[in-house]
Amino acid sequence: MATIRDVSKESGLSIATVSRAISNPEKVSRESLKKVQKAIDKLQYQPNMLSQKFRNKRSNTIVILVPNISNLFFAKVISGIEDVAQKNGYNVLLGDTRNSHQRTKDYVNLVETRQADGIIQLRPHYEGQSVLPCKNVLAVNAGGCEFTPYPSVRIDNVDAAEKVISYLIDNGHKRIGVISGMRDNPHTRDRLKGYKQGLANAGIAFDDNLIAEGDFTLWSGMNAVQHFVQMPDRPSAIFCMNDEMAIGAIKGLKEKNIQVPGDISITGFDNLDVSNYCDPPLTTVSQPAIDIGEKAAELLFQLIHGEEPAQTEYVMPHEFVVRQSSGIRK
């Protein structure tokens, strides 16, 4: 059986440093904690990972992992999380992962070394590519998708996208373009599924040429819409998979003197505050972003306090909001 002396030798740190890492991690550098944890894992030092005292100690901090800190939808989710965290006497550490696997692992390590008590992940779960879930780390996914293999709070993205397409079809649109997110993104997968279902329900064949890929940013929406501008047979409506790309698309169309919604109707997804003030105001799916954040935080604190949640997946209600960016096909 490995001893603390073995951990010291394996990590290259003094016994005193290893002991502090186990009993008072806040007094040890992050780099030293990582070395100690690596040695403990390799040697299978007992008690598991860190001492009983360390395991029972709470940091009163949670980590929010956000893939893009500039995304306005994430900002609203974070607001909801922070409100609940504050009521529970907890601090929030914001981790801007920039979709980096290594950066995500570094933040997860804060929980593994008990510098934080749990994680709320705002990036949807990628099968076979995500760091979470992982052993001994309490985590909740907020705003994700179907088939998330750990506790989650989300809307039904498939149903929401299908409602958008059905609305456009009911208003006479038969050729409907899509500005998607990245093809491998689970949100893209679910919303594209809803798009296809909406078409199928109306007996309209799916055409892959009507898909232009964006990356959920304003710029990508403005750039992707050029794919449709150049078509001899333009779509009469474009479903954008988030509001930022929709606002970018409207700007891109206006620069080509294409009227919205007179020539092309535009719809978005998220119902950001700015969507009601763009020109024209945006037809969109309203996600209850603050409620999603609050529910995710409540669920995480149940786990932190050792309580058994009533359910581990919450599907929150969404709403389809019709504004002036969409119209009837003449």
C-alpha atoms as a PDB file:
ATOM      1  CA  MET A   1       0.000   0.000   0.000  1.00  0.00           C
ATOM      2  CA  ALA A   2       1.359   3.416  -0.982  1.00  0.00           C
ATOM      3  CA  THR A   3       2.345   5.879   1.725  1.00  0.00           C
ATOM      4  CA  ILE A   4       2.531   9.662   1.815  1.00  0.00           C
ATOM      5  CA  ARG A   5       6.296   9.246   1.400  1.00  0.00           C
ATOM      6  CA  ASP A   6       5.671   7.399  -1.879  1.00  0.00           C
ATOM      7  CA  VAL A   7       3.384  10.205  -3.041  1.00  0.00           C
ATOM      8  CA  SER A   8       6.103  12.700  -2.146  1.00  0.00           C
ATOM      9  CA  LYS A   9       8.693  10.819  -4.182  1.00  0.00           C
ATOM     10  CA  GLU A  10       6.390  10.321  -7.180  1.00  0.00           C
ATOM     11  CA  SER A  11       5.259  13.964  -7.259  1.00  0.00           C
ATOM     12  CA  GLY A  12       8.744  15.389  -6.655  1.00  0.00           C
ATOM     13  CA  LEU A  13       7.382  17.451  -3.765  1.00  0.00           C
ATOM     14  CA  SER A  14       8.239  17.418  -0.081  1.00  0.00           C
ATOM     15  CA  ILE A  15       6.193  15.390   2.384  1.00  0.00           C
ATOM     16  CA  ALA A  16       5.145  18.668   4.023  1.00  0.00           C
ATOM     17  CA  THR A  17       3.783  19.990   0.717  1.00  0.00           C
ATOM     18  CA  VAL A  18       1.894  16.749   0.046  1.00  0.00           C
ATOM     19  CA  SER A  19       0.448  16.877   3.544  1.00  0.00           C
ATOM     20  CA  ARG A  20      -0.706  20.485   3.046  1.00  0.00           C
ATOM     21  CA  ALA A  21      -2.265  19.540  -0.299  1.00  0.00           C
ATOM     22  CA  ILE A  22      -4.302  16.891   1.508  1.00  0.00           C
ATOM     23  CA  SER A  23      -5.329  18.884   4.567  1.00  0.00           C
ATOM     24  CA  ASN A  24      -5.216  22.533   3.442  1.00  0.00           C
ATOM     25  CA  PRO A  25      -5.315  22.696  -0.365  1.00  0.00           C
ATOM     26  CA  GLU A  26      -5.937  26.427  -0.379  1.00  0.00           C
ATOM     27  CA  LYS A  27      -2.373  26.876   0.919  1.00  0.00           C
ATOM     28  CA  VAL A  28      -0.795  24.995  -1.991  1.00  0.00           C
ATOM     29  CA  SER A  29      -0.288  26.212  -5.556  1.00  0.00           C
ATOM     30  CA  ARG A  30      -2.531  24.872  -8.287  1.00  0.00           C
ATOM     31  CA  GLU A  31       0.454  23.286 -10.042  1.00  0.00           C
ATOM     32  CA  SER A  32       1.516  21.446  -6.874  1.00  0.00           C
ATOM     33  CA  LEU A  33      -2.043  20.223  -6.326  1.00  0.00           C
ATOM     34  CA  LYS A  34      -2.081  18.781  -9.835  1.00  0.00           C
ATOM     35  CA  LYS A  35       1.223  16.970  -9.202  1.00  0.00           C
ATOM     36  CA  VAL A  36      -0.042  15.536  -5.920  1.00  0.00           C
ATOM     37  CA  GLN A  37      -3.323  14.423  -7.493  1.00  0.00           C
ATOM     38  CA  LYS A  38      -1.489  12.762 -10.394  1.00  0.00           C
ATOM     39  CA  ALA A  39       0.764  10.872  -7.977  1.00  0.00           C
ATOM     40  CA  ILE A  40      -2.193   9.808  -5.829  1.00  0.00           C
ATOM     41  CA  ASP A  41      -4.034   8.490  -8.874  1.00  0.00           C
ATOM     42  CA  LYS A  42      -0.988   6.602 -10.154  1.00  0.00           C
ATOM     43  CA  LEU A  43      -0.147   5.016  -6.802  1.00  0.00           C
ATOM     44  CA  GLN A  44      -3.803   4.520  -5.800  1.00  0.00           C
ATOM     45  CA  TYR A  45      -2.960   6.136  -2.499  1.00  0.00           C
ATOM     46  CA  GLN A  46      -5.586   5.561   0.199  1.00  0.00           C
ATOM     47  CA  PRO A  47      -7.819   7.088   1.358  1.00  0.00           C
ATOM     48  CA  ASN A  48      -9.146   7.666  -2.156  1.00  0.00           C
ATOM     49  CA  MET A  49      -7.815  10.841  -3.776  1.00  0.00           C
ATOM     50  CA  LEU A  50      -7.442  12.925  -0.618  1.00  0.00           C
ATOM     51  CA  SER A  51      -7.928  12.531   3.125  1.00  0.00           C
ATOM     52  CA  GLN A  52     -11.319  12.190   4.781  1.00  0.00           C
ATOM     53  CA  LYS A  53     -10.916  15.693   6.171  1.00  0.00           C
ATOM     54  CA  PHE A  54     -10.220  17.060   2.704  1.00  0.00           C
ATOM     55  CA  ARG A  55     -13.167  15.243   1.166  1.00  0.00           C
ATOM     56  CA  ASN A  56     -15.603  16.633   3.690  1.00  0.00           C
ATOM     57  CA  LYS A  57     -14.312  20.161   3.377  1.00  0.00           C
ATOM     58  CA  ARG A  58     -16.313  22.558   1.207  1.00  0.00           C
ATOM     59  CA  SER A  59     -14.870  25.464  -0.682  1.00  0.00           C
ATOM     60  CA  ASN A  60     -18.194  27.342  -0.998  1.00  0.00           C
ATOM     61  CA  THR A  61     -17.337  27.867  -4.660  1.00  0.00           C
ATOM     62  CA  ILE A  62     -18.853  26.468  -7.838  1.00  0.00           C
ATOM     63  CA  VAL A  63     -17.455  26.680 -11.360  1.00  0.00           C
ATOM     64  CA  ILE A  64     -19.438  27.715 -14.437  1.00  0.00           C
ATOM     65  CA  LEU A  65     -17.881  26.462 -17.660  1.00  0.00           C
ATOM     66  CA  VAL A  66     -18.812  28.631 -20.638  1.00  0.00           C
ATOM     67  CA  PRO A  67     -17.544  27.895 -24.177  1.00  0.00           C
ATOM     68  CA  ASN A  68     -17.807  31.506 -25.343  1.00  0.00           C
ATOM     69  CA  ILE A  69     -17.967  34.232 -22.740  1.00  0.00           C
ATOM     70  CA  SER A  70     -19.172  36.829 -25.284  1.00  0.00           C
ATOM     71  CA  ASN A  71     -22.329  34.868 -26.132  1.00  0.00           C
ATOM     72  CA  LEU A  72     -25.326  36.889 -24.907  1.00  0.00           C
ATOM     73  CA  PHE A  73     -27.507  33.847 -24.201  1.00  0.00           C
ATOM     74  CA  PHE A  74     -24.897  32.398 -21.858  1.00  0.00           C
ATOM     75  CA  ALA A  75     -24.802  35.702 -19.978  1.00  0.00           C
ATOM     76  CA  LYS A  76     -28.469  35.318 -19.027  1.00  0.00           C
ATOM     77  CA  VAL A  77     -28.002  31.704 -17.912  1.00  0.00           C
ATOM     78  CA  ILE A  78     -25.043  32.768 -15.768  1.00  0.00           C
ATOM     79  CA  SER A  79     -27.180  35.483 -14.184  1.00  0.00           C
ATOM     80  CA  GLY A  80     -29.694  32.874 -13.041  1.00  0.00           C
ATOM     81  CA  ILE A  81     -26.948  30.643 -11.648  1.00  0.00           C
ATOM     82  CA  GLU A  82     -25.344  33.487  -9.710  1.00  0.00           C
ATOM     83  CA  ASP A  83     -28.631  34.473  -8.071  1.00  0.00           C
ATOM     84  CA  VAL A  84     -29.079  30.983  -6.631  1.00  0.00           C
ATOM     85  CA  ALA A  85     -25.395  30.643  -5.687  1.00  0.00           C
ATOM     86  CA  GLN A  86     -25.506  33.896  -3.731  1.00  0.00           C
ATOM     87  CA  LYS A  87     -28.584  32.762  -1.810  1.00  0.00           C
ATOM     88  CA  ASN A  88     -26.687  29.596  -0.867  1.00  0.00           C
ATOM     89  CA  GLY A  89     -23.652  31.563   0.317  1.00  0.00           C
ATOM     90  CA  TYR A  90     -21.503  30.403  -2.586  1.00  0.00           C
ATOM     91  CA  ASN A  91     -19.026  32.171  -4.832  1.00  0.00           C
ATOM     92  CA  VAL A  92     -19.002  31.604  -8.590  1.00  0.00           C
ATOM     93  CA  LEU A  93     -15.856  31.068 -10.631  1.00  0.00           C
ATOM     94  CA  LEU A  94     -16.404  31.663 -14.338  1.00  0.00           C
ATOM     95  CA  GLY A  95     -14.323  29.412 -16.583  1.00  0.00           C
ATOM     96  CA  ASP A  96     -14.076  30.552 -20.202  1.00  0.00           C
ATOM     97  CA  THR A  97     -13.075  27.250 -21.822  1.00  0.00           C
ATOM     98  CA  ARG A  98     -13.106  28.550 -25.429  1.00  0.00           C
ATOM     99  CA  ASN A  99     -14.159  25.014 -26.387  1.00  0.00           C
ATOM    100  CA  SER A 100     -10.707  23.787 -25.303  1.00  0.00           C
ATOM    101  CA  HIS A 101     -10.566  20.231 -23.963  1.00  0.00           C
ATOM    102  CA  GLN A 102      -7.481  21.022 -21.868  1.00  0.00           C
ATOM    103  CA  ARG A 103      -8.928  24.213 -20.383  1.00  0.00           C
ATOM    104  CA  THR A 104     -12.043  22.260 -19.428  1.00  0.00           C
ATOM    105  CA  LYS A 105      -9.926  19.577 -17.735  1.00  0.00           C
ATOM    106  CA  ASP A 106      -8.038  22.266 -15.807  1.00  0.00           C
ATOM    107  CA  TYR A 107     -11.282  23.673 -14.396  1.00  0.00           C
ATOM    108  CA  VAL A 108     -12.610  20.195 -13.611  1.00  0.00           C
ATOM    109  CA  ASN A 109      -9.392  19.630 -11.665  1.00  0.00           C
ATOM    110  CA  LEU A 110     -10.438  22.419  -9.287  1.00  0.00           C
ATOM    111  CA  VAL A 111     -13.293  20.179  -8.141  1.00  0.00           C
ATOM    112  CA  GLU A 112     -11.103  17.074  -8.080  1.00  0.00           C
ATOM    113  CA  THR A 113      -8.699  18.901  -5.753  1.00  0.00           C
ATOM    114  CA  ARG A 114     -11.570  20.364  -3.715  1.00  0.00           C
ATOM    115  CA  GLN A 115     -10.929  23.981  -4.595  1.00  0.00           C
ATOM    116  CA  ALA A 116     -14.524  24.025  -5.867  1.00  0.00           C
ATOM    117  CA  ASP A 117     -17.540  21.897  -4.967  1.00  0.00           C
ATOM    118  CA  GLY A 118     -19.233  21.426  -8.325  1.00  0.00           C
ATOM    119  CA  ILE A 119     -19.564  22.477 -11.944  1.00  0.00           C
ATOM    120  CA  ILE A 120     -22.305  23.823 -14.196  1.00  0.00           C
ATOM    121  CA  GLN A 121     -21.405  23.191 -17.829  1.00  0.00           C
ATOM    122  CA  LEU A 122     -22.994  25.446 -20.469  1.00  0.00           C
ATOM    123  CA  ARG A 123     -21.542  23.570 -23.444  1.00  0.00           C
ATOM    124  CA  PRO A 124     -23.786  20.765 -24.749  1.00  0.00           C
ATOM    125  CA  HIS A 125     -22.537  17.218 -24.297  1.00  0.00           C
ATOM    126  CA  TYR A 126     -20.523  15.828 -27.221  1.00  0.00           C
ATOM    127  CA  GLU A 127     -20.620  12.029 -27.182  1.00  0.00           C
ATOM    128  CA  GLY A 128     -17.092  10.661 -26.865  1.00  0.00           C
ATOM    129  CA  GLN A 129     -15.531  14.137 -26.719  1.00  0.00           C
ATOM    130  CA  SER A 130     -16.687  15.706 -23.457  1.00  0.00           C
ATOM    131  CA  VAL A 131     -14.679  15.774 -20.230  1.00  0.00           C
ATOM    132  CA  LEU A 132     -17.862  15.481 -18.170  1.00  0.00           C
ATOM    133  CA  PRO A 133     -19.225  13.398 -16.607  1.00  0.00           C
ATOM    134  CA  CYS A 134     -16.283  12.116 -14.609  1.00  0.00           C
ATOM    135  CA  LYS A 135     -15.852  10.287 -11.330  1.00  0.00           C
ATOM    136  CA  ASN A 136     -15.999  12.273  -8.070  1.00  0.00           C
ATOM    137  CA  VAL A 137     -17.074  15.501  -9.807  1.00  0.00           C
ATOM    138  CA  LEU A 138     -20.568  16.865  -9.177  1.00  0.00           C
ATOM    139  CA  ALA A 139     -21.806  18.472 -12.385  1.00  0.00           C
ATOM    140  CA  VAL A 140     -24.968  19.723 -14.088  1.00  0.00           C
ATOM    141  CA  ASN A 141     -25.423  20.696 -17.730  1.00  0.00           C
ATOM    142  CA  ALA A 142     -27.430  23.877 -18.401  1.00  0.00           C
ATOM    143  CA  GLY A 143     -28.990  24.621 -21.780  1.00  0.00           C
ATOM    144  CA  GLY A 144     -27.817  21.385 -23.396  1.00  0.00           C
ATOM    145  CA  CYS A 145     -29.520  18.745 -25.503  1.00  0.00           C
ATOM    146  CA  GLU A 146     -31.075  15.308 -25.511  1.00  0.00           C
ATOM    147  CA  PHE A 147     -29.098  12.321 -24.231  1.00  0.00           C
ATOM    148  CA  THR A 148     -26.896  14.231 -21.769  1.00  0.00           C
ATOM    149  CA  PRO A 149     -25.494  11.451 -19.506  1.00  0.00           C
ATOM    150  CA  TYR A 150     -25.483  13.511 -16.305  1.00  0.00           C
ATOM    151  CA  PRO A 151     -28.022  15.862 -14.646  1.00  0.00           C
ATOM    152  CA  SER A 152     -29.247  18.518 -17.076  1.00  0.00           C
ATOM    153  CA  VAL A 153     -31.660  21.396 -17.629  1.00  0.00           C
ATOM    154  CA  ARG A 154     -32.694  22.243 -21.195  1.00  0.00           C
ATOM    155  CA  ILE A 155     -35.548  22.931 -23.569  1.00  0.00           C
ATOM    156  CA  ASP A 156     -36.825  20.595 -26.289  1.00  0.00           C
ATOM    157  CA  ASN A 157     -34.710  21.926 -29.165  1.00  0.00           C
ATOM    158  CA  VAL A 158     -36.223  19.493 -31.660  1.00  0.00           C
ATOM    159  CA  ASP A 159     -39.795  20.552 -30.926  1.00  0.00           C
ATOM    160  CA  ALA A 160     -38.864  24.254 -30.888  1.00  0.00           C
ATOM    161  CA  ALA A 161     -37.241  24.090 -34.333  1.00  0.00           C
ATOM    162  CA  GLU A 162     -40.152  22.094 -35.726  1.00  0.00           C
ATOM    163  CA  LYS A 163     -42.569  24.787 -34.514  1.00  0.00           C
ATOM    164  CA  VAL A 164     -40.563  27.469 -36.358  1.00  0.00           C
ATOM    165  CA  ILE A 165     -40.644  25.535 -39.628  1.00  0.00           C
ATOM    166  CA  SER A 166     -44.332  24.696 -39.294  1.00  0.00           C
ATOM    167  CA  TYR A 167     -45.097  28.390 -38.756  1.00  0.00           C
ATOM    168  CA  LEU A 168     -43.132  29.377 -41.871  1.00  0.00           C
ATOM    169  CA  ILE A 169     -44.821  26.703 -43.957  1.00  0.00           C
ATOM    170  CA  ASP A 170     -48.254  27.783 -42.701  1.00  0.00           C
ATOM    171  CA  ASN A 171     -47.358  31.262 -43.948  1.00  0.00           C
ATOM    172  CA  GLY A 172     -46.704  30.021 -47.461  1.00  0.00           C
ATOM    173  CA  HIS A 173     -42.948  29.368 -47.317  1.00  0.00           C
ATOM    174  CA  LYS A 174     -41.935  26.146 -49.052  1.00  0.00           C
ATOM    175  CA  ARG A 175     -38.247  26.831 -49.717  1.00  0.00           C
ATOM    176  CA  ILE A 176     -36.709  27.442 -46.309  1.00  0.00           C
ATOM    177  CA  GLY A 177     -32.999  27.914 -45.775  1.00  0.00           C
ATOM    178  CA  VAL A 178     -31.083  27.278 -42.559  1.00  0.00           C
ATOM    179  CA  ILE A 179     -28.080  29.009 -41.037  1.00  0.00           C
ATOM    180  CA  SER A 180     -26.872  26.312 -38.664  1.00  0.00           C
ATOM    181  CA  GLY A 181     -24.260  26.129 -35.977  1.00  0.00           C
ATOM    182  CA  MET A 182     -21.206  23.927 -36.442  1.00  0.00           C
ATOM    183  CA  ARG A 183     -22.244  20.586 -37.927  1.00  0.00           C
ATOM    184  CA  ASP A 184     -20.903  18.558 -34.988  1.00  0.00           C
ATOM    185  CA  ASN A 185     -22.606  20.729 -32.356  1.00  0.00           C
ATOM    186  CA  PRO A 186     -25.432  18.879 -30.523  1.00  0.00           C
ATOM    187  CA  HIS A 187     -27.636  21.999 -30.701  1.00  0.00           C
ATOM    188  CA  THR A 188     -27.219  21.955 -34.460  1.00  0.00           C
ATOM    189  CA  ARG A 189     -28.081  18.261 -34.501  1.00  0.00           C
ATOM    190  CA  ASP A 190     -31.301  18.697 -32.508  1.00  0.00           C
ATOM    191  CA  ARG A 191     -32.478  21.850 -34.301  1.00  0.00           C
ATOM    192  CA  LEU A 192     -31.711  20.349 -37.697  1.00  0.00           C
ATOM    193  CA  LYS A 193     -33.745  17.313 -36.678  1.00  0.00           C
ATOM    194  CA  GLY A 194     -36.677  19.595 -35.860  1.00  0.00           C
ATOM    195  CA  TYR A 195     -36.231  21.415 -39.197  1.00  0.00           C
ATOM    196  CA  LYS A 196     -36.381  18.127 -41.098  1.00  0.00           C
ATOM    197  CA  GLN A 197     -39.423  16.983 -39.148  1.00  0.00           C
ATOM    198  CA  GLY A 198     -41.236  20.221 -39.962  1.00  0.00           C
ATOM    199  CA  LEU A 199     -40.529  19.750 -43.661  1.00  0.00           C
ATOM    200  CA  ALA A 200     -41.524  16.079 -43.589  1.00  0.00           C
ATOM    201  CA  ASN A 201     -44.827  16.885 -41.876  1.00  0.00           C
ATOM    202  CA  ALA A 202     -45.663  19.141 -44.842  1.00  0.00           C
ATOM    203  CA  GLY A 203     -44.403  16.678 -47.464  1.00  0.00           C
ATOM    204  CA  ILE A 204     -41.460  18.930 -48.449  1.00  0.00           C
ATOM    205  CA  ALA A 205     -38.221  17.182 -49.410  1.00  0.00           C
ATOM    206  CA  PHE A 206     -35.042  18.044 -47.509  1.00  0.00           C
ATOM    207  CA  ASP A 207     -32.407  19.818 -49.611  1.00  0.00           C
ATOM    208  CA  ASP A 208     -28.886  19.884 -48.156  1.00  0.00           C
ATOM    209  CA  ASN A 209     -28.024  22.837 -50.418  1.00  0.00           C
ATOM    210  CA  LEU A 210     -30.326  24.965 -48.254  1.00  0.00           C
ATOM    211  CA  ILE A 211     -28.012  24.564 -45.239  1.00  0.00           C
ATOM    212  CA  ALA A 212     -25.302  27.181 -44.647  1.00  0.00           C
ATOM    213  CA  GLU A 213     -22.997  26.585 -41.695  1.00  0.00           C
ATOM    214  CA  GLY A 214     -22.265  29.303 -39.148  1.00  0.00           C
ATOM    215  CA  ASP A 215     -20.743  29.248 -35.680  1.00  0.00           C
ATOM    216  CA  PHE A 216     -23.410  31.043 -33.606  1.00  0.00           C
ATOM    217  CA  THR A 217     -21.742  34.472 -33.963  1.00  0.00           C
ATOM    218  CA  LEU A 218     -23.054  37.675 -35.580  1.00  0.00           C
ATOM    219  CA  TRP A 219     -20.286  37.632 -38.163  1.00  0.00           C
ATOM    220  CA  SER A 220     -20.984  34.059 -39.218  1.00  0.00           C
ATOM    221  CA  GLY A 221     -24.656  34.864 -39.789  1.00  0.00           C
ATOM    222  CA  MET A 222     -23.759  37.816 -41.992  1.00  0.00           C
ATOM    223  CA  ASN A 223     -21.260  35.689 -43.903  1.00  0.00           C
ATOM    224  CA  ALA A 224     -23.428  32.549 -44.212  1.00  0.00           C
ATOM    225  CA  VAL A 225     -26.403  34.421 -45.644  1.00  0.00           C
ATOM    226  CA  GLN A 226     -24.319  35.193 -48.757  1.00  0.00           C
ATOM    227  CA  HIS A 227     -24.755  31.518 -49.660  1.00  0.00           C
ATOM    228  CA  PHE A 228     -28.452  32.220 -50.238  1.00  0.00           C
ATOM    229  CA  VAL A 229     -28.004  35.659 -51.810  1.00  0.00           C
ATOM    230  CA  GLN A 230     -26.065  34.083 -54.684  1.00  0.00           C
ATOM    231  CA  MET A 231     -28.725  31.453 -55.433  1.00  0.00           C
ATOM    232  CA  PRO A 232     -30.818  31.903 -58.588  1.00  0.00           C
ATOM    233  CA  ASP A 233     -33.738  30.386 -56.658  1.00  0.00           C
ATOM    234  CA  ARG A 234     -33.423  32.008 -53.245  1.00  0.00           C
ATOM    235  CA  PRO A 235     -35.312  30.670 -50.231  1.00  0.00           C
ATOM    236  CA  SER A 236     -38.218  32.822 -49.155  1.00  0.00           C
ATOM    237  CA  ALA A 237     -37.371  32.269 -45.477  1.00  0.00           C
ATOM    238  CA  ILE A 238     -34.268  31.447 -43.440  1.00  0.00           C
ATOM    239  CA  PHE A 239     -34.277  29.728 -40.063  1.00  0.00           C
ATOM    240  CA  CYS A 240     -31.206  30.803 -38.054  1.00  0.00           C
ATOM    241  CA  MET A 241     -30.194  28.559 -35.159  1.00  0.00           C
ATOM    242  CA  ASN A 242     -29.588  31.475 -32.820  1.00  0.00           C
ATOM    243  CA  ASP A 243     -30.465  35.164 -32.611  1.00  0.00           C
ATOM    244  CA  GLU A 244     -26.937  36.443 -33.117  1.00  0.00           C
ATOM    245  CA  MET A 245     -26.662  34.731 -36.511  1.00  0.00           C
ATOM    246  CA  ALA A 246     -30.165  35.934 -37.407  1.00  0.00           C
ATOM    247  CA  ILE A 247     -29.230  39.560 -36.654  1.00  0.00           C
ATOM    248  CA  GLY A 248     -26.064  39.129 -38.698  1.00  0.00           C
ATOM    249  CA  ALA A 249     -28.097  37.641 -41.542  1.00  0.00           C
ATOM    250  CA  ILE A 250     -30.485  40.618 -41.553  1.00  0.00           C
ATOM    251  CA  LYS A 251     -27.519  42.977 -41.817  1.00  0.00           C
ATOM    252  CA  GLY A 252     -26.016  40.912 -44.644  1.00  0.00           C
ATOM    253  CA  LEU A 253     -29.280  40.949 -46.593  1.00  0.00           C
ATOM    254  CA  LYS A 254     -29.761  44.686 -46.128  1.00  0.00           C
ATOM    255  CA  GLU A 255     -26.290  45.330 -47.519  1.00  0.00           C
ATOM    256  CA  LYS A 256     -27.445  43.547 -50.688  1.00  0.00           C
ATOM    257  CA  ASN A 257     -30.676  45.588 -50.769  1.00  0.00           C
ATOM    258  CA  ILE A 258     -32.759  42.510 -49.951  1.00  0.00           C
ATOM    259  CA  GLN A 259     -35.729  43.399 -47.789  1.00  0.00           C
ATOM    260  CA  VAL A 260     -36.640  41.585 -44.570  1.00  0.00           C
ATOM    261  CA  PRO A 261     -39.320  40.282 -44.500  1.00  0.00           C
ATOM    262  CA  GLY A 262     -40.506  41.596 -47.895  1.00  0.00           C
ATOM    263  CA  ASP A 263     -38.044  39.452 -49.868  1.00  0.00           C
ATOM    264  CA  ILE A 264     -36.838  36.954 -47.276  1.00  0.00           C
ATOM    265  CA  SER A 265     -38.254  36.206 -43.830  1.00  0.00           C
ATOM    266  CA  ILE A 266     -35.777  35.606 -41.013  1.00  0.00           C
ATOM    267  CA  THR A 267     -36.279  33.723 -37.745  1.00  0.00           C
ATOM    268  CA  GLY A 268     -33.889  33.228 -34.833  1.00  0.00           C
ATOM    269  CA  PHE A 269     -33.560  31.182 -31.664  1.00  0.00           C
ATOM    270  CA  ASP A 270     -33.011  32.319 -28.007  1.00  0.00           C
ATOM    271  CA  ASN A 271     -35.000  35.598 -27.743  1.00  0.00           C
ATOM    272  CA  LEU A 272     -32.117  37.754 -26.613  1.00  0.00           C
ATOM    273  CA  ASP A 273     -33.126  41.182 -25.274  1.00  0.00           C
ATOM    274  CA  VAL A 274     -31.619  42.850 -28.342  1.00  0.00           C
ATOM    275  CA  SER A 275     -33.854  40.786 -30.646  1.00  0.00           C
ATOM    276  CA  ASN A 276     -36.842  42.972 -29.856  1.00  0.00           C
ATOM    277  CA  TYR A 277     -34.882  46.100 -30.837  1.00  0.00           C
ATOM    278  CA  CYS A 278     -33.163  45.089 -34.068  1.00  0.00           C
ATOM    279  CA  ASP A 279     -34.617  46.286 -37.388  1.00  0.00           C
ATOM    280  CA  PRO A 280     -36.966  44.590 -37.979  1.00  0.00           C
ATOM    281  CA  PRO A 281     -37.666  43.017 -34.570  1.00  0.00           C
ATOM    282  CA  LEU A 282     -36.865  39.320 -34.710  1.00  0.00           C
ATOM    283  CA  THR A 283     -39.250  36.384 -34.799  1.00  0.00           C
ATOM    284  CA  THR A 284     -37.607  33.809 -32.548  1.00  0.00           C
ATOM    285  CA  VAL A 285     -37.831  30.965 -30.046  1.00  0.00           C
ATOM    286  CA  SER A 286     -37.766  32.202 -26.470  1.00  0.00           C
ATOM    287  CA  GLN A 287     -35.648  30.103 -24.139  1.00  0.00           C
ATOM    288  CA  PRO A 288     -36.115  30.797 -20.402  1.00  0.00           C
ATOM    289  CA  ALA A 289     -32.379  31.400 -19.970  1.00  0.00           C
ATOM    290  CA  ILE A 290     -32.513  32.763 -16.417  1.00  0.00           C
ATOM    291  CA  ASP A 291     -34.854  29.967 -15.314  1.00  0.00           C
ATOM    292  CA  ILE A 292     -32.520  27.396 -16.871  1.00  0.00           C
ATOM    293  CA  GLY A 293     -29.620  28.844 -14.883  1.00  0.00           C
ATOM    294  CA  GLU A 294     -31.603  28.934 -11.644  1.00  0.00           C
ATOM    295  CA  LYS A 295     -32.853  25.355 -12.006  1.00  0.00           C
ATOM    296  CA  ALA A 296     -29.368  24.080 -12.890  1.00  0.00           C
ATOM    297  CA  ALA A 297     -27.914  25.762  -9.793  1.00  0.00           C
ATOM    298  CA  GLU A 298     -30.683  24.387  -7.570  1.00  0.00           C
ATOM    299  CA  LEU A 299     -30.005  20.912  -8.922  1.00  0.00           C
ATOM    300  CA  LEU A 300     -26.260  21.235  -8.323  1.00  0.00           C
ATOM    301  CA  PHE A 301     -26.755  22.391  -4.733  1.00  0.00           C
ATOM    302  CA  GLN A 302     -28.998  19.401  -4.083  1.00  0.00           C
ATOM    303  CA  LEU A 303     -26.123  17.177  -5.206  1.00  0.00           C
ATOM    304  CA  ILE A 304     -23.572  19.127  -3.132  1.00  0.00           C
ATOM    305  CA  HIS A 305     -25.713  18.722  -0.027  1.00  0.00           C
ATOM    306  CA  GLY A 306     -26.022  14.984  -0.631  1.00  0.00           C
ATOM    307  CA  GLU A 307     -29.718  15.119  -1.472  1.00  0.00           C
ATOM    308  CA  GLU A 308     -31.366  12.828  -3.997  1.00  0.00           C
ATOM    309  CA  PRO A 309     -32.912  15.014  -6.746  1.00  0.00           C
ATOM    310  CA  ALA A 310     -36.522  14.316  -7.639  1.00  0.00           C
ATOM    311  CA  GLN A 311     -35.383  14.111 -11.261  1.00  0.00           C
ATOM    312  CA  THR A 312     -32.084  14.485 -13.094  1.00  0.00           C
ATOM    313  CA  GLU A 313     -33.402  15.998 -16.329  1.00  0.00           C
ATOM    314  CA  TYR A 314     -35.579  19.083 -16.530  1.00  0.00           C
ATOM    315  CA  VAL A 315     -37.091  20.103 -19.865  1.00  0.00           C
ATOM    316  CA  MET A 316     -38.148  23.714 -19.492  1.00  0.00           C
ATOM    317  CA  PRO A 317     -40.967  25.318 -21.506  1.00  0.00           C
ATOM    318  CA  HIS A 318     -40.160  27.435 -24.546  1.00  0.00           C
ATOM    319  CA  GLU A 319     -42.227  29.953 -26.474  1.00  0.00           C
ATOM    320  CA  PHE A 320     -42.383  30.942 -30.128  1.00  0.00           C
ATOM    321  CA  VAL A 321     -42.416  34.743 -30.432  1.00  0.00           C
ATOM    322  CA  VAL A 322     -43.646  36.243 -33.710  1.00  0.00           C
ATOM    323  CA  ARG A 323     -42.342  39.700 -34.624  1.00  0.00           C
ATOM    324  CA  GLN A 324     -41.805  41.705 -37.813  1.00  0.00           C
ATOM    325  CA  SER A 325     -38.835  39.817 -39.319  1.00  0.00           C
ATOM    326  CA  SER A 326     -41.134  37.136 -40.721  1.00  0.00           C
ATOM    327  CA  GLY A 327     -44.111  37.514 -43.003  1.00  0.00           C
ATOM    328  CA  ILE A 328     -46.515  35.771 -45.347  1.00  0.00           C
ATOM    329  CA  ARG A 329     -45.098  34.458 -48.625  1.00  0.00           C
ATOM    330  CA  LYS A 330     -46.792  36.404 -51.441  1.00  0.00           C
END
